[in-house]
Amino acid sequence: MFTLTIDSSFSEVRKASELLYNYCTEYEIPIDLQGQLELMLVEALNNVVEHAYLEKPGHAINIVLTLEDGSTVISITDTGIPAPGSAIAEGSELPDINDMPEGGWGLCLIQALSDSIEYYRHTDHNQLILKKQTTI
């Protein structure tokens, strides 16, 4: 398990990319999949900074990378504003990007690259879980 806590600023996202690189090296993830994982991770973190924390620094974003049954699991936790459509049932997929008020390209990329996406709104925090098959 690889873990990291970053601040809610775009400049901190680079640290998460470094964590992912170390994870991919440790588990010998193929280079093409590394790029896909990085896009998923960076887009998700940028969404947290922009939408959950409204681009205000000083808030924690927790990242956990694990390998489970051949899949990389990216878990991102924050205490910011809930994702749009906060009435989303626990464990359901995020809303359709066509129904979102903003462009949604980051979410579109995440959806295209992930094998599964889960979003949970707990009492005091959000949790996004992205999964992608990365080993045979």
N, C-alpha and C. Protein backbone atom coordinates (compact mmCIF):
# COMPACT_ATOMS: atom_id res chain seq x y z
N MET A 1 0.85 -1.17 0.00
CA MET A 1 0.00 0.00 0.00
C MET A 1 0.90 1.24 0.00
N PHE A 2 0.54 2.18 -0.87
CA PHE A 2 1.25 3.44 -0.96
C PHE A 2 0.28 4.54 -0.55
N THR A 3 0.68 5.41 0.36
CA THR A 3 -0.21 6.46 0.84
C THR A 3 0.48 7.81 0.81
N LEU A 4 -0.33 8.84 0.69
CA LEU A 4 0.18 10.21 0.65
C LEU A 4 -0.96 11.15 1.00
N THR A 5 -0.65 12.20 1.72
CA THR A 5 -1.60 13.29 1.96
C THR A 5 -1.01 14.54 1.34
N ILE A 6 -1.81 15.19 0.49
CA ILE A 6 -1.36 16.42 -0.15
C ILE A 6 -2.30 17.56 0.26
N ASP A 7 -1.85 18.78 0.03
CA ASP A 7 -2.67 19.96 0.28
C ASP A 7 -3.57 20.20 -0.93
N SER A 8 -4.66 20.89 -0.70
CA SER A 8 -5.65 21.14 -1.75
C SER A 8 -5.22 22.28 -2.68
N SER A 9 -4.12 22.06 -3.38
CA SER A 9 -3.67 23.03 -4.37
C SER A 9 -3.15 22.27 -5.58
N PHE A 10 -3.31 22.89 -6.76
CA PHE A 10 -2.91 22.22 -8.00
C PHE A 10 -1.43 21.88 -8.00
N SER A 11 -0.60 22.69 -7.36
CA SER A 11 0.85 22.43 -7.34
C SER A 11 1.20 21.17 -6.56
N GLU A 12 0.35 20.74 -5.67
CA GLU A 12 0.61 19.55 -4.87
C GLU A 12 0.34 18.25 -5.63
N VAL A 13 -0.42 18.34 -6.71
CA VAL A 13 -0.79 17.14 -7.47
C VAL A 13 0.44 16.41 -7.99
N ARG A 14 1.51 17.14 -8.26
CA ARG A 14 2.75 16.51 -8.74
C ARG A 14 3.26 15.45 -7.77
N LYS A 15 3.10 15.70 -6.47
CA LYS A 15 3.54 14.73 -5.46
C LYS A 15 2.80 13.41 -5.63
N ALA A 16 1.54 13.47 -6.01
CA ALA A 16 0.76 12.26 -6.22
C ALA A 16 1.28 11.50 -7.43
N SER A 17 1.71 12.23 -8.46
CA SER A 17 2.29 11.58 -9.64
C SER A 17 3.57 10.84 -9.26
N GLU A 18 4.37 11.42 -8.38
CA GLU A 18 5.59 10.77 -7.91
C GLU A 18 5.25 9.50 -7.12
N LEU A 19 4.23 9.57 -6.29
CA LEU A 19 3.79 8.39 -5.54
C LEU A 19 3.37 7.29 -6.51
N LEU A 20 2.61 7.66 -7.53
CA LEU A 20 2.15 6.69 -8.52
C LEU A 20 3.32 6.07 -9.26
N TYR A 21 4.31 6.87 -9.61
CA TYR A 21 5.50 6.34 -10.29
C TYR A 21 6.18 5.28 -9.41
N ASN A 22 6.34 5.57 -8.14
CA ASN A 22 6.97 4.61 -7.22
C ASN A 22 6.13 3.34 -7.10
N TYR A 23 4.83 3.49 -7.04
CA TYR A 23 3.92 2.35 -6.99
C TYR A 23 4.08 1.48 -8.25
N CYS A 24 4.04 2.13 -9.41
CA CYS A 24 4.14 1.41 -10.68
C CYS A 24 5.48 0.70 -10.82
N THR A 25 6.54 1.32 -10.34
CA THR A 25 7.86 0.68 -10.36
C THR A 25 7.87 -0.55 -9.47
N GLU A 26 7.33 -0.42 -8.27
CA GLU A 26 7.29 -1.53 -7.31
C GLU A 26 6.53 -2.73 -7.88
N TYR A 27 5.40 -2.48 -8.53
CA TYR A 27 4.55 -3.57 -9.02
C TYR A 27 4.74 -3.86 -10.50
N GLU A 28 5.74 -3.25 -11.12
CA GLU A 28 6.09 -3.48 -12.52
C GLU A 28 4.88 -3.31 -13.44
N ILE A 29 4.18 -2.20 -13.27
CA ILE A 29 3.03 -1.88 -14.11
C ILE A 29 3.55 -1.43 -15.48
N PRO A 30 3.02 -1.98 -16.58
CA PRO A 30 3.48 -1.59 -17.91
C PRO A 30 3.33 -0.08 -18.14
N ILE A 31 4.23 0.48 -18.92
CA ILE A 31 4.31 1.93 -19.12
C ILE A 31 3.01 2.51 -19.68
N ASP A 32 2.35 1.79 -20.61
CA ASP A 32 1.11 2.33 -21.18
C ASP A 32 0.02 2.44 -20.11
N LEU A 33 -0.01 1.49 -19.19
CA LEU A 33 -0.98 1.56 -18.10
C LEU A 33 -0.60 2.63 -17.07
N GLN A 34 0.69 2.86 -16.91
CA GLN A 34 1.14 3.92 -16.00
C GLN A 34 0.57 5.27 -16.45
N GLY A 35 0.62 5.53 -17.73
CA GLY A 35 0.10 6.78 -18.26
C GLY A 35 -1.40 6.92 -18.03
N GLN A 36 -2.12 5.82 -18.20
CA GLN A 36 -3.56 5.85 -17.97
C GLN A 36 -3.88 6.08 -16.50
N LEU A 37 -3.14 5.41 -15.62
CA LEU A 37 -3.34 5.60 -14.18
C LEU A 37 -3.04 7.04 -13.77
N GLU A 38 -1.99 7.61 -14.37
CA GLU A 38 -1.65 8.99 -14.02
C GLU A 38 -2.74 9.96 -14.45
N LEU A 39 -3.30 9.76 -15.64
CA LEU A 39 -4.40 10.62 -16.08
C LEU A 39 -5.59 10.50 -15.14
N MET A 40 -5.93 9.28 -14.75
CA MET A 40 -7.05 9.07 -13.83
C MET A 40 -6.80 9.80 -12.51
N LEU A 41 -5.62 9.61 -11.96
CA LEU A 41 -5.28 10.18 -10.66
C LEU A 41 -5.25 11.71 -10.72
N VAL A 42 -4.55 12.26 -11.69
CA VAL A 42 -4.40 13.71 -11.79
C VAL A 42 -5.75 14.39 -12.04
N GLU A 43 -6.56 13.83 -12.93
CA GLU A 43 -7.87 14.43 -13.20
C GLU A 43 -8.76 14.38 -11.96
N ALA A 44 -8.72 13.27 -11.24
CA ALA A 44 -9.54 13.15 -10.02
C ALA A 44 -9.07 14.16 -8.97
N LEU A 45 -7.77 14.28 -8.78
CA LEU A 45 -7.25 15.23 -7.80
C LEU A 45 -7.55 16.68 -8.20
N ASN A 46 -7.41 16.99 -9.48
CA ASN A 46 -7.74 18.34 -9.93
C ASN A 46 -9.21 18.65 -9.66
N ASN A 47 -10.09 17.66 -9.84
CA ASN A 47 -11.51 17.85 -9.55
C ASN A 47 -11.74 18.13 -8.07
N VAL A 48 -11.01 17.44 -7.21
CA VAL A 48 -11.14 17.67 -5.76
C VAL A 48 -10.71 19.10 -5.43
N VAL A 49 -9.55 19.50 -5.95
CA VAL A 49 -9.05 20.86 -5.67
C VAL A 49 -10.05 21.90 -6.18
N GLU A 50 -10.52 21.71 -7.41
CA GLU A 50 -11.39 22.71 -8.03
C GLU A 50 -12.81 22.72 -7.46
N HIS A 51 -13.41 21.55 -7.30
CA HIS A 51 -14.82 21.49 -6.96
C HIS A 51 -15.09 21.24 -5.47
N ALA A 52 -14.35 20.33 -4.86
CA ALA A 52 -14.61 20.04 -3.45
C ALA A 52 -14.08 21.15 -2.54
N TYR A 53 -12.93 21.71 -2.91
CA TYR A 53 -12.32 22.75 -2.08
C TYR A 53 -12.34 24.14 -2.71
N LEU A 54 -12.99 24.26 -3.87
CA LEU A 54 -13.14 25.56 -4.55
C LEU A 54 -11.81 26.30 -4.70
N GLU A 55 -10.75 25.52 -5.00
CA GLU A 55 -9.40 26.03 -5.23
C GLU A 55 -8.80 26.75 -4.02
N LYS A 56 -9.29 26.41 -2.84
CA LYS A 56 -8.75 27.01 -1.61
C LYS A 56 -7.75 26.04 -0.99
N PRO A 57 -6.49 26.46 -0.86
CA PRO A 57 -5.47 25.60 -0.24
C PRO A 57 -5.72 25.47 1.27
N GLY A 58 -4.98 24.55 1.87
CA GLY A 58 -5.06 24.38 3.32
C GLY A 58 -5.93 23.23 3.77
N HIS A 59 -6.36 22.39 2.83
CA HIS A 59 -7.21 21.25 3.17
C HIS A 59 -6.51 19.97 2.70
N ALA A 60 -6.70 18.91 3.44
CA ALA A 60 -6.04 17.64 3.13
C ALA A 60 -6.79 16.83 2.08
N ILE A 61 -6.01 16.19 1.23
CA ILE A 61 -6.51 15.18 0.29
C ILE A 61 -5.66 13.94 0.53
N ASN A 62 -6.31 12.84 0.91
CA ASN A 62 -5.60 11.59 1.19
C ASN A 62 -5.70 10.66 -0.01
N ILE A 63 -4.56 10.06 -0.36
CA ILE A 63 -4.47 9.17 -1.51
C ILE A 63 -3.91 7.84 -1.04
N VAL A 64 -4.56 6.76 -1.45
CA VAL A 64 -4.08 5.41 -1.16
C VAL A 64 -4.08 4.62 -2.46
N LEU A 65 -2.94 4.00 -2.77
CA LEU A 65 -2.80 3.14 -3.94
C LEU A 65 -2.56 1.72 -3.46
N THR A 66 -3.37 0.79 -3.95
CA THR A 66 -3.19 -0.61 -3.60
C THR A 66 -3.36 -1.47 -4.84
N LEU A 67 -2.80 -2.67 -4.77
CA LEU A 67 -2.98 -3.66 -5.82
C LEU A 67 -3.85 -4.77 -5.25
N GLU A 68 -5.03 -4.98 -5.84
CA GLU A 68 -5.97 -5.99 -5.37
C GLU A 68 -6.42 -6.84 -6.55
N ASP A 69 -6.11 -8.12 -6.50
CA ASP A 69 -6.53 -9.06 -7.54
C ASP A 69 -6.17 -8.59 -8.94
N GLY A 70 -4.97 -8.05 -9.09
CA GLY A 70 -4.49 -7.62 -10.39
C GLY A 70 -4.95 -6.23 -10.82
N SER A 71 -5.73 -5.57 -9.98
CA SER A 71 -6.21 -4.22 -10.29
C SER A 71 -5.56 -3.20 -9.38
N THR A 72 -5.22 -2.07 -9.96
CA THR A 72 -4.78 -0.94 -9.15
C THR A 72 -6.03 -0.24 -8.64
N VAL A 73 -6.03 0.02 -7.33
CA VAL A 73 -7.14 0.72 -6.70
C VAL A 73 -6.61 2.06 -6.20
N ILE A 74 -7.22 3.12 -6.68
CA ILE A 74 -6.87 4.48 -6.27
C ILE A 74 -8.01 4.99 -5.40
N SER A 75 -7.71 5.26 -4.15
CA SER A 75 -8.71 5.80 -3.23
C SER A 75 -8.32 7.23 -2.87
N ILE A 76 -9.24 8.15 -3.08
CA ILE A 76 -9.01 9.57 -2.80
C ILE A 76 -10.08 10.02 -1.81
N THR A 77 -9.64 10.58 -0.69
CA THR A 77 -10.56 11.02 0.35
C THR A 77 -10.33 12.50 0.64
N ASP A 78 -11.43 13.25 0.77
CA ASP A 78 -11.35 14.66 1.10
C ASP A 78 -12.53 15.04 1.98
N THR A 79 -12.45 16.21 2.61
CA THR A 79 -13.53 16.70 3.47
C THR A 79 -14.24 17.90 2.84
N GLY A 80 -14.16 18.01 1.54
CA GLY A 80 -14.76 19.14 0.83
C GLY A 80 -16.23 18.96 0.54
N ILE A 81 -16.71 19.80 -0.35
CA ILE A 81 -18.10 19.80 -0.79
C ILE A 81 -18.40 18.47 -1.48
N PRO A 82 -19.58 17.89 -1.24
CA PRO A 82 -19.94 16.64 -1.93
C PRO A 82 -19.98 16.82 -3.45
N ALA A 83 -19.80 15.72 -4.16
CA ALA A 83 -19.88 15.74 -5.62
C ALA A 83 -21.28 16.17 -6.05
N PRO A 84 -21.41 16.72 -7.26
CA PRO A 84 -22.73 17.13 -7.75
C PRO A 84 -23.73 15.98 -7.63
N GLY A 85 -24.95 16.33 -7.29
CA GLY A 85 -25.95 15.28 -7.11
C GLY A 85 -25.66 14.52 -5.84
N SER A 86 -25.47 15.24 -4.73
CA SER A 86 -25.07 14.61 -3.48
C SER A 86 -26.06 13.56 -3.00
N ALA A 87 -27.19 13.43 -3.67
CA ALA A 87 -28.15 12.39 -3.32
C ALA A 87 -27.76 11.05 -3.94
N ILE A 88 -26.56 10.98 -4.50
CA ILE A 88 -26.09 9.74 -5.10
C ILE A 88 -26.10 8.65 -4.03
N ALA A 89 -26.65 7.52 -4.37
CA ALA A 89 -26.68 6.41 -3.42
C ALA A 89 -25.27 5.93 -3.14
N GLU A 90 -25.03 5.53 -1.92
CA GLU A 90 -23.70 5.06 -1.54
C GLU A 90 -23.25 3.94 -2.46
N GLY A 91 -22.03 4.08 -2.98
CA GLY A 91 -21.45 3.05 -3.82
C GLY A 91 -21.86 3.14 -5.28
N SER A 92 -22.68 4.09 -5.63
CA SER A 92 -23.12 4.19 -7.02
C SER A 92 -22.07 4.91 -7.85
N GLU A 93 -22.24 4.82 -9.16
CA GLU A 93 -21.33 5.54 -10.04
C GLU A 93 -21.65 7.03 -9.98
N LEU A 94 -20.67 7.84 -10.34
CA LEU A 94 -20.88 9.28 -10.39
C LEU A 94 -21.92 9.60 -11.47
N PRO A 95 -22.52 10.77 -11.38
CA PRO A 95 -23.55 11.12 -12.37
C PRO A 95 -23.01 11.17 -13.79
N ASP A 96 -23.90 11.00 -14.74
CA ASP A 96 -23.58 11.08 -16.15
C ASP A 96 -23.05 12.49 -16.43
N ILE A 97 -21.91 12.58 -17.13
CA ILE A 97 -21.31 13.89 -17.37
C ILE A 97 -22.22 14.77 -18.21
N ASN A 98 -23.11 14.19 -18.99
CA ASN A 98 -24.04 14.99 -19.79
C ASN A 98 -25.04 15.74 -18.93
N ASP A 99 -25.24 15.27 -17.70
CA ASP A 99 -26.18 15.91 -16.78
C ASP A 99 -25.49 16.90 -15.85
N MET A 100 -24.18 17.03 -15.96
CA MET A 100 -23.45 17.92 -15.06
C MET A 100 -23.48 19.34 -15.59
N PRO A 101 -23.50 20.33 -14.68
CA PRO A 101 -23.59 21.72 -15.12
C PRO A 101 -22.33 22.24 -15.80
N GLU A 102 -21.18 21.64 -15.55
CA GLU A 102 -19.94 22.11 -16.16
C GLU A 102 -19.49 21.13 -17.22
N GLY A 103 -18.38 21.45 -17.90
CA GLY A 103 -17.90 20.66 -19.02
C GLY A 103 -17.72 19.18 -18.73
N GLY A 104 -17.08 18.86 -17.63
CA GLY A 104 -16.95 17.46 -17.25
C GLY A 104 -15.91 16.65 -18.00
N TRP A 105 -14.98 17.29 -18.69
CA TRP A 105 -13.99 16.53 -19.46
C TRP A 105 -13.10 15.67 -18.56
N GLY A 106 -12.73 16.19 -17.39
CA GLY A 106 -11.91 15.39 -16.48
C GLY A 106 -12.63 14.13 -16.08
N LEU A 107 -13.89 14.27 -15.73
CA LEU A 107 -14.69 13.10 -15.36
C LEU A 107 -14.86 12.16 -16.54
N CYS A 108 -14.99 12.72 -17.73
CA CYS A 108 -15.11 11.91 -18.93
C CYS A 108 -13.86 11.04 -19.12
N LEU A 109 -12.69 11.64 -18.95
CA LEU A 109 -11.43 10.88 -19.05
C LEU A 109 -11.36 9.78 -18.00
N ILE A 110 -11.73 10.13 -16.77
CA ILE A 110 -11.71 9.16 -15.69
C ILE A 110 -12.63 7.99 -16.01
N GLN A 111 -13.83 8.29 -16.48
CA GLN A 111 -14.79 7.24 -16.82
C GLN A 111 -14.28 6.37 -17.96
N ALA A 112 -13.64 6.99 -18.96
CA ALA A 112 -13.14 6.24 -20.11
C ALA A 112 -11.99 5.31 -19.73
N LEU A 113 -11.16 5.71 -18.77
CA LEU A 113 -9.97 4.94 -18.44
C LEU A 113 -10.17 3.95 -17.30
N SER A 114 -11.12 4.18 -16.44
CA SER A 114 -11.32 3.32 -15.26
C SER A 114 -12.17 2.11 -15.61
N ASP A 115 -11.89 1.01 -14.95
CA ASP A 115 -12.75 -0.17 -15.06
C ASP A 115 -13.98 -0.01 -14.17
N SER A 116 -13.79 0.68 -13.05
CA SER A 116 -14.94 0.98 -12.18
C SER A 116 -14.65 2.25 -11.39
N ILE A 117 -15.75 2.94 -11.07
CA ILE A 117 -15.69 4.18 -10.29
C ILE A 117 -16.75 4.07 -9.20
N GLU A 118 -16.34 4.32 -7.97
CA GLU A 118 -17.29 4.35 -6.87
C GLU A 118 -17.12 5.66 -6.12
N TYR A 119 -18.23 6.25 -5.73
CA TYR A 119 -18.21 7.48 -4.95
C TYR A 119 -19.05 7.27 -3.70
N TYR A 120 -18.50 7.65 -2.55
CA TYR A 120 -19.22 7.57 -1.29
C TYR A 120 -19.17 8.93 -0.62
N ARG A 121 -20.30 9.37 -0.13
CA ARG A 121 -20.31 10.56 0.74
C ARG A 121 -20.58 10.04 2.14
N HIS A 122 -19.56 10.09 2.97
CA HIS A 122 -19.69 9.72 4.37
C HIS A 122 -20.12 10.97 5.14
N THR A 123 -20.37 10.85 6.41
CA THR A 123 -20.85 11.97 7.21
C THR A 123 -20.01 13.22 7.03
N ASP A 124 -18.69 13.06 7.06
CA ASP A 124 -17.82 14.23 7.03
C ASP A 124 -16.77 14.21 5.93
N HIS A 125 -16.87 13.28 5.00
CA HIS A 125 -15.88 13.24 3.92
C HIS A 125 -16.41 12.53 2.68
N ASN A 126 -15.72 12.80 1.57
CA ASN A 126 -15.98 12.14 0.29
C ASN A 126 -14.91 11.09 0.07
N GLN A 127 -15.29 10.01 -0.61
CA GLN A 127 -14.32 9.00 -1.00
C GLN A 127 -14.60 8.58 -2.43
N LEU A 128 -13.58 8.69 -3.26
CA LEU A 128 -13.65 8.26 -4.65
C LEU A 128 -12.71 7.07 -4.80
N ILE A 129 -13.23 5.99 -5.39
CA ILE A 129 -12.42 4.79 -5.59
C ILE A 129 -12.43 4.46 -7.08
N LEU A 130 -11.25 4.46 -7.67
CA LEU A 130 -11.06 4.15 -9.07
C LEU A 130 -10.31 2.83 -9.18
N LYS A 131 -10.74 1.95 -10.09
CA LYS A 131 -10.07 0.67 -10.28
C LYS A 131 -9.73 0.48 -11.75
N LYS A 132 -8.54 -0.10 -11.96
CA LYS A 132 -8.09 -0.40 -13.32
C LYS A 132 -7.25 -1.67 -13.29
N GLN A 133 -7.57 -2.62 -14.15
CA GLN A 133 -6.80 -3.85 -14.27
C GLN A 133 -5.41 -3.50 -14.77
N THR A 134 -4.37 -3.89 -14.01
CA THR A 134 -3.01 -3.49 -14.39
C THR A 134 -2.03 -4.66 -14.45
N THR A 135 -2.44 -5.84 -14.02
CA THR A 135 -1.56 -7.00 -14.13
C THR A 135 -2.36 -8.19 -14.63
N ILE A 136 -1.63 -9.15 -15.15
CA ILE A 136 -2.26 -10.37 -15.67
C ILE A 136 -2.40 -11.40 -14.58
